[in-house]
Amino acid sequence: MKIIDSNTANELANNYLKNWDVVDNGKRLRKRVTFSDYNHAVRFLLAIEKKMTDMDHFIDVAMFYDEMMISLHTHDANALTKDDFKLAVFLDRKLADMDVE
């Protein structure tokens, strides 16, 4: 498992992701999302569950009615890896499909 350094993580996030921040000294990706309502937020979680299970890679999430804070990092490495970026790209696509940024 190759760890992605902070500079590379920032470059990848800026070039390939939509509104993701690299935080915790380059160890985590974070994104805040606002949905139209609570049900829309829950539908998003249900829509991404299978992909996360297939990848065996899961988000950390805090949800507040229609807002969600999504965080990604590879737990085993306590750092960012390519799986975090692959999942972030997938999440961005799902959000776009739901007309959410």
N, C-alpha and C. Protein backbone atom coordinates (compact mmCIF):
# COMPACT_ATOMS: atom_id res chain seq x y z
N MET A 1 0.86 -1.18 0.00
CA MET A 1 0.00 0.00 0.00
C MET A 1 0.90 1.24 0.00
N LYS A 2 0.83 2.00 -1.08
CA LYS A 2 1.66 3.19 -1.22
C LYS A 2 0.95 4.40 -0.63
N ILE A 3 1.63 5.04 0.30
CA ILE A 3 1.10 6.25 0.94
C ILE A 3 1.35 7.45 0.03
N ILE A 4 0.36 8.32 -0.08
CA ILE A 4 0.46 9.53 -0.89
C ILE A 4 0.87 10.68 0.01
N ASP A 5 1.97 11.35 -0.34
CA ASP A 5 2.45 12.45 0.49
C ASP A 5 1.54 13.67 0.36
N SER A 6 1.71 14.60 1.27
CA SER A 6 0.84 15.78 1.36
C SER A 6 0.84 16.62 0.09
N ASN A 7 2.01 16.87 -0.50
CA ASN A 7 2.08 17.67 -1.72
C ASN A 7 1.35 17.00 -2.87
N THR A 8 1.56 15.71 -3.04
CA THR A 8 0.89 14.96 -4.10
C THR A 8 -0.61 14.93 -3.85
N ALA A 9 -1.00 14.76 -2.59
CA ALA A 9 -2.43 14.73 -2.24
C ALA A 9 -3.10 16.05 -2.61
N ASN A 10 -2.45 17.17 -2.30
CA ASN A 10 -3.01 18.47 -2.67
C ASN A 10 -3.13 18.63 -4.18
N GLU A 11 -2.11 18.18 -4.90
CA GLU A 11 -2.14 18.27 -6.35
C GLU A 11 -3.27 17.42 -6.93
N LEU A 12 -3.41 16.19 -6.45
CA LEU A 12 -4.48 15.32 -6.93
C LEU A 12 -5.86 15.89 -6.60
N ALA A 13 -6.01 16.39 -5.38
CA ALA A 13 -7.31 16.95 -4.97
C ALA A 13 -7.66 18.16 -5.84
N ASN A 14 -6.70 19.02 -6.09
CA ASN A 14 -6.96 20.22 -6.90
C ASN A 14 -7.27 19.88 -8.35
N ASN A 15 -6.65 18.83 -8.88
CA ASN A 15 -6.81 18.50 -10.29
C ASN A 15 -7.95 17.54 -10.60
N TYR A 16 -8.32 16.70 -9.65
CA TYR A 16 -9.27 15.63 -9.97
C TYR A 16 -10.52 15.58 -9.09
N LEU A 17 -10.54 16.32 -8.01
CA LEU A 17 -11.69 16.26 -7.10
C LEU A 17 -12.41 17.59 -7.06
N LYS A 18 -13.66 17.55 -6.63
CA LYS A 18 -14.47 18.76 -6.57
C LYS A 18 -14.73 19.14 -5.11
N ASN A 19 -14.12 20.24 -4.68
CA ASN A 19 -14.35 20.81 -3.34
C ASN A 19 -13.92 19.91 -2.19
N TRP A 20 -12.86 19.16 -2.39
CA TRP A 20 -12.27 18.36 -1.31
C TRP A 20 -11.06 19.11 -0.76
N ASP A 21 -10.87 19.03 0.56
CA ASP A 21 -9.71 19.61 1.21
C ASP A 21 -8.81 18.49 1.72
N VAL A 22 -7.52 18.71 1.62
CA VAL A 22 -6.55 17.81 2.23
C VAL A 22 -6.25 18.39 3.61
N VAL A 23 -6.51 17.61 4.66
CA VAL A 23 -6.39 18.09 6.03
C VAL A 23 -5.56 17.12 6.87
N ASP A 24 -5.37 17.48 8.12
CA ASP A 24 -4.62 16.64 9.07
C ASP A 24 -3.23 16.32 8.54
N ASN A 25 -2.52 17.37 8.14
CA ASN A 25 -1.14 17.21 7.65
C ASN A 25 -1.04 16.23 6.49
N GLY A 26 -2.04 16.28 5.60
CA GLY A 26 -2.01 15.45 4.40
C GLY A 26 -2.46 14.02 4.61
N LYS A 27 -3.08 13.74 5.74
CA LYS A 27 -3.48 12.36 6.05
C LYS A 27 -4.95 12.07 5.76
N ARG A 28 -5.71 13.09 5.36
CA ARG A 28 -7.16 12.90 5.23
C ARG A 28 -7.73 13.84 4.17
N LEU A 29 -8.73 13.35 3.45
CA LEU A 29 -9.54 14.18 2.54
C LEU A 29 -10.84 14.50 3.25
N ARG A 30 -11.32 15.73 3.10
CA ARG A 30 -12.57 16.11 3.75
C ARG A 30 -13.40 16.97 2.81
N LYS A 31 -14.71 16.73 2.86
CA LYS A 31 -15.65 17.49 2.02
C LYS A 31 -16.94 17.72 2.80
N ARG A 32 -17.45 18.94 2.73
CA ARG A 32 -18.75 19.27 3.32
C ARG A 32 -19.77 19.33 2.19
N VAL A 33 -20.90 18.67 2.41
CA VAL A 33 -21.94 18.59 1.39
C VAL A 33 -23.26 19.02 2.02
N THR A 34 -24.05 19.82 1.28
CA THR A 34 -25.39 20.19 1.74
C THR A 34 -26.41 19.61 0.77
N PHE A 35 -27.34 18.86 1.31
CA PHE A 35 -28.40 18.23 0.53
C PHE A 35 -29.68 19.04 0.67
N SER A 36 -30.67 18.73 -0.14
CA SER A 36 -31.93 19.47 -0.07
C SER A 36 -32.70 19.16 1.21
N ASP A 37 -32.51 17.95 1.74
CA ASP A 37 -33.17 17.58 2.99
C ASP A 37 -32.53 16.30 3.54
N TYR A 38 -33.00 15.88 4.68
CA TYR A 38 -32.46 14.70 5.37
C TYR A 38 -32.58 13.45 4.50
N ASN A 39 -33.74 13.24 3.88
CA ASN A 39 -33.96 12.04 3.07
C ASN A 39 -32.99 11.96 1.90
N HIS A 40 -32.70 13.09 1.31
CA HIS A 40 -31.75 13.14 0.20
C HIS A 40 -30.36 12.70 0.68
N ALA A 41 -29.97 13.14 1.86
CA ALA A 41 -28.68 12.76 2.44
C ALA A 41 -28.62 11.25 2.70
N VAL A 42 -29.68 10.70 3.24
CA VAL A 42 -29.73 9.26 3.51
C VAL A 42 -29.69 8.47 2.20
N ARG A 43 -30.38 8.95 1.18
CA ARG A 43 -30.34 8.26 -0.12
C ARG A 43 -28.93 8.22 -0.68
N PHE A 44 -28.17 9.29 -0.47
CA PHE A 44 -26.78 9.30 -0.92
C PHE A 44 -25.99 8.19 -0.22
N LEU A 45 -26.14 8.07 1.09
CA LEU A 45 -25.42 7.02 1.81
C LEU A 45 -25.79 5.63 1.31
N LEU A 46 -27.06 5.42 1.06
CA LEU A 46 -27.50 4.13 0.54
C LEU A 46 -26.94 3.87 -0.86
N ALA A 47 -26.81 4.93 -1.66
CA ALA A 47 -26.32 4.79 -3.03
C ALA A 47 -24.84 4.44 -3.10
N ILE A 48 -24.08 4.77 -2.06
CA ILE A 48 -22.63 4.52 -2.10
C ILE A 48 -22.22 3.29 -1.30
N GLU A 49 -23.13 2.71 -0.58
CA GLU A 49 -22.80 1.58 0.31
C GLU A 49 -22.18 0.41 -0.44
N LYS A 50 -22.75 0.01 -1.56
CA LYS A 50 -22.25 -1.17 -2.28
C LYS A 50 -20.82 -0.95 -2.77
N LYS A 51 -20.55 0.21 -3.34
CA LYS A 51 -19.19 0.50 -3.83
C LYS A 51 -18.18 0.44 -2.69
N MET A 52 -18.52 1.02 -1.55
CA MET A 52 -17.60 0.97 -0.42
C MET A 52 -17.37 -0.46 0.05
N THR A 53 -18.43 -1.26 0.09
CA THR A 53 -18.31 -2.65 0.50
C THR A 53 -17.44 -3.41 -0.51
N ASP A 54 -17.68 -3.20 -1.79
CA ASP A 54 -16.88 -3.87 -2.83
C ASP A 54 -15.40 -3.50 -2.72
N MET A 55 -15.13 -2.23 -2.40
CA MET A 55 -13.74 -1.78 -2.27
C MET A 55 -13.15 -2.15 -0.91
N ASP A 56 -14.01 -2.49 0.05
CA ASP A 56 -13.59 -2.67 1.44
C ASP A 56 -12.88 -1.40 1.94
N HIS A 57 -13.51 -0.27 1.59
CA HIS A 57 -12.97 1.05 1.92
C HIS A 57 -14.16 1.95 2.24
N PHE A 58 -14.17 2.56 3.42
CA PHE A 58 -15.37 3.23 3.90
C PHE A 58 -15.08 4.67 4.31
N ILE A 59 -16.10 5.51 4.19
CA ILE A 59 -15.99 6.90 4.60
C ILE A 59 -16.24 7.02 6.10
N ASP A 60 -15.68 8.07 6.68
CA ASP A 60 -16.13 8.54 7.98
C ASP A 60 -17.11 9.66 7.67
N VAL A 61 -18.23 9.69 8.38
CA VAL A 61 -19.25 10.67 8.05
C VAL A 61 -19.89 11.22 9.31
N ALA A 62 -20.11 12.52 9.30
CA ALA A 62 -20.90 13.18 10.34
C ALA A 62 -22.07 13.83 9.60
N MET A 63 -23.27 13.57 10.08
CA MET A 63 -24.46 14.07 9.38
C MET A 63 -25.30 14.92 10.32
N PHE A 64 -25.72 16.06 9.83
CA PHE A 64 -26.52 17.02 10.58
C PHE A 64 -27.72 17.44 9.73
N TYR A 65 -28.79 16.70 9.81
CA TYR A 65 -30.01 16.90 9.03
C TYR A 65 -29.71 16.89 7.54
N ASP A 66 -29.44 18.06 6.93
CA ASP A 66 -29.22 18.09 5.48
C ASP A 66 -27.75 18.33 5.12
N GLU A 67 -26.89 18.37 6.12
CA GLU A 67 -25.46 18.58 5.88
C GLU A 67 -24.68 17.33 6.25
N MET A 68 -23.61 17.11 5.51
CA MET A 68 -22.78 15.94 5.76
C MET A 68 -21.32 16.35 5.63
N MET A 69 -20.51 15.90 6.58
CA MET A 69 -19.07 16.05 6.48
C MET A 69 -18.51 14.67 6.19
N ILE A 70 -17.88 14.54 5.03
CA ILE A 70 -17.33 13.27 4.59
C ILE A 70 -15.81 13.34 4.75
N SER A 71 -15.26 12.29 5.30
CA SER A 71 -13.82 12.23 5.49
C SER A 71 -13.30 10.89 5.00
N LEU A 72 -12.18 10.92 4.32
CA LEU A 72 -11.56 9.72 3.79
C LEU A 72 -10.10 9.63 4.22
N HIS A 73 -9.69 8.46 4.62
CA HIS A 73 -8.28 8.11 4.78
C HIS A 73 -8.21 6.60 4.90
N THR A 74 -7.05 6.06 4.63
CA THR A 74 -6.88 4.62 4.73
C THR A 74 -6.55 4.30 6.17
N HIS A 75 -7.48 3.68 6.85
CA HIS A 75 -7.34 3.42 8.28
C HIS A 75 -6.09 2.62 8.61
N ASP A 76 -5.81 1.57 7.83
CA ASP A 76 -4.65 0.72 8.10
C ASP A 76 -3.34 1.49 8.02
N ALA A 77 -3.28 2.48 7.15
CA ALA A 77 -2.05 3.24 6.95
C ALA A 77 -2.03 4.55 7.74
N ASN A 78 -3.19 4.95 8.27
CA ASN A 78 -3.35 6.26 8.90
C ASN A 78 -2.80 7.36 7.98
N ALA A 79 -3.16 7.23 6.71
CA ALA A 79 -2.67 8.16 5.69
C ALA A 79 -3.58 8.05 4.47
N LEU A 80 -3.26 8.84 3.45
CA LEU A 80 -3.99 8.76 2.19
C LEU A 80 -3.30 7.79 1.24
N THR A 81 -4.13 7.02 0.52
CA THR A 81 -3.64 6.11 -0.51
C THR A 81 -4.49 6.30 -1.76
N LYS A 82 -4.14 5.58 -2.82
CA LYS A 82 -4.91 5.72 -4.06
C LYS A 82 -6.37 5.35 -3.87
N ASP A 83 -6.67 4.43 -2.94
CA ASP A 83 -8.07 4.05 -2.70
C ASP A 83 -8.91 5.23 -2.23
N ASP A 84 -8.32 6.13 -1.46
CA ASP A 84 -9.06 7.31 -1.00
C ASP A 84 -9.45 8.19 -2.18
N PHE A 85 -8.54 8.35 -3.12
CA PHE A 85 -8.84 9.19 -4.28
C PHE A 85 -9.80 8.50 -5.24
N LYS A 86 -9.68 7.20 -5.40
CA LYS A 86 -10.64 6.46 -6.23
C LYS A 86 -12.05 6.61 -5.66
N LEU A 87 -12.17 6.45 -4.35
CA LEU A 87 -13.49 6.57 -3.72
C LEU A 87 -14.00 8.01 -3.79
N ALA A 88 -13.13 8.98 -3.62
CA ALA A 88 -13.55 10.39 -3.70
C ALA A 88 -14.08 10.72 -5.10
N VAL A 89 -13.43 10.22 -6.14
CA VAL A 89 -13.92 10.45 -7.51
C VAL A 89 -15.30 9.82 -7.67
N PHE A 90 -15.47 8.61 -7.17
CA PHE A 90 -16.78 7.95 -7.23
C PHE A 90 -17.83 8.76 -6.47
N LEU A 91 -17.50 9.25 -5.28
CA LEU A 91 -18.45 10.05 -4.50
C LEU A 91 -18.83 11.32 -5.24
N ASP A 92 -17.85 11.98 -5.87
CA ASP A 92 -18.15 13.19 -6.64
C ASP A 92 -19.13 12.88 -7.77
N ARG A 93 -18.94 11.75 -8.43
CA ARG A 93 -19.87 11.37 -9.52
C ARG A 93 -21.27 11.12 -8.99
N LYS A 94 -21.38 10.41 -7.87
CA LYS A 94 -22.70 10.15 -7.27
C LYS A 94 -23.37 11.45 -6.86
N LEU A 95 -22.61 12.35 -6.26
CA LEU A 95 -23.18 13.64 -5.87
C LEU A 95 -23.65 14.41 -7.09
N ALA A 96 -22.87 14.39 -8.17
CA ALA A 96 -23.28 15.08 -9.40
C ALA A 96 -24.55 14.46 -9.96
N ASP A 97 -24.66 13.13 -9.90
CA ASP A 97 -25.87 12.45 -10.37
C ASP A 97 -27.11 12.89 -9.58
N MET A 98 -26.88 13.28 -8.32
CA MET A 98 -27.98 13.71 -7.45
C MET A 98 -28.14 15.22 -7.44
N ASP A 99 -27.40 15.91 -8.34
CA ASP A 99 -27.41 17.38 -8.42
C ASP A 99 -27.00 18.04 -7.11
N VAL A 100 -25.98 17.47 -6.48
CA VAL A 100 -25.43 18.01 -5.24
C VAL A 100 -23.95 18.24 -5.48
N GLU A 101 -23.42 19.33 -4.94
CA GLU A 101 -21.98 19.60 -5.09
C GLU A 101 -21.24 19.20 -3.84
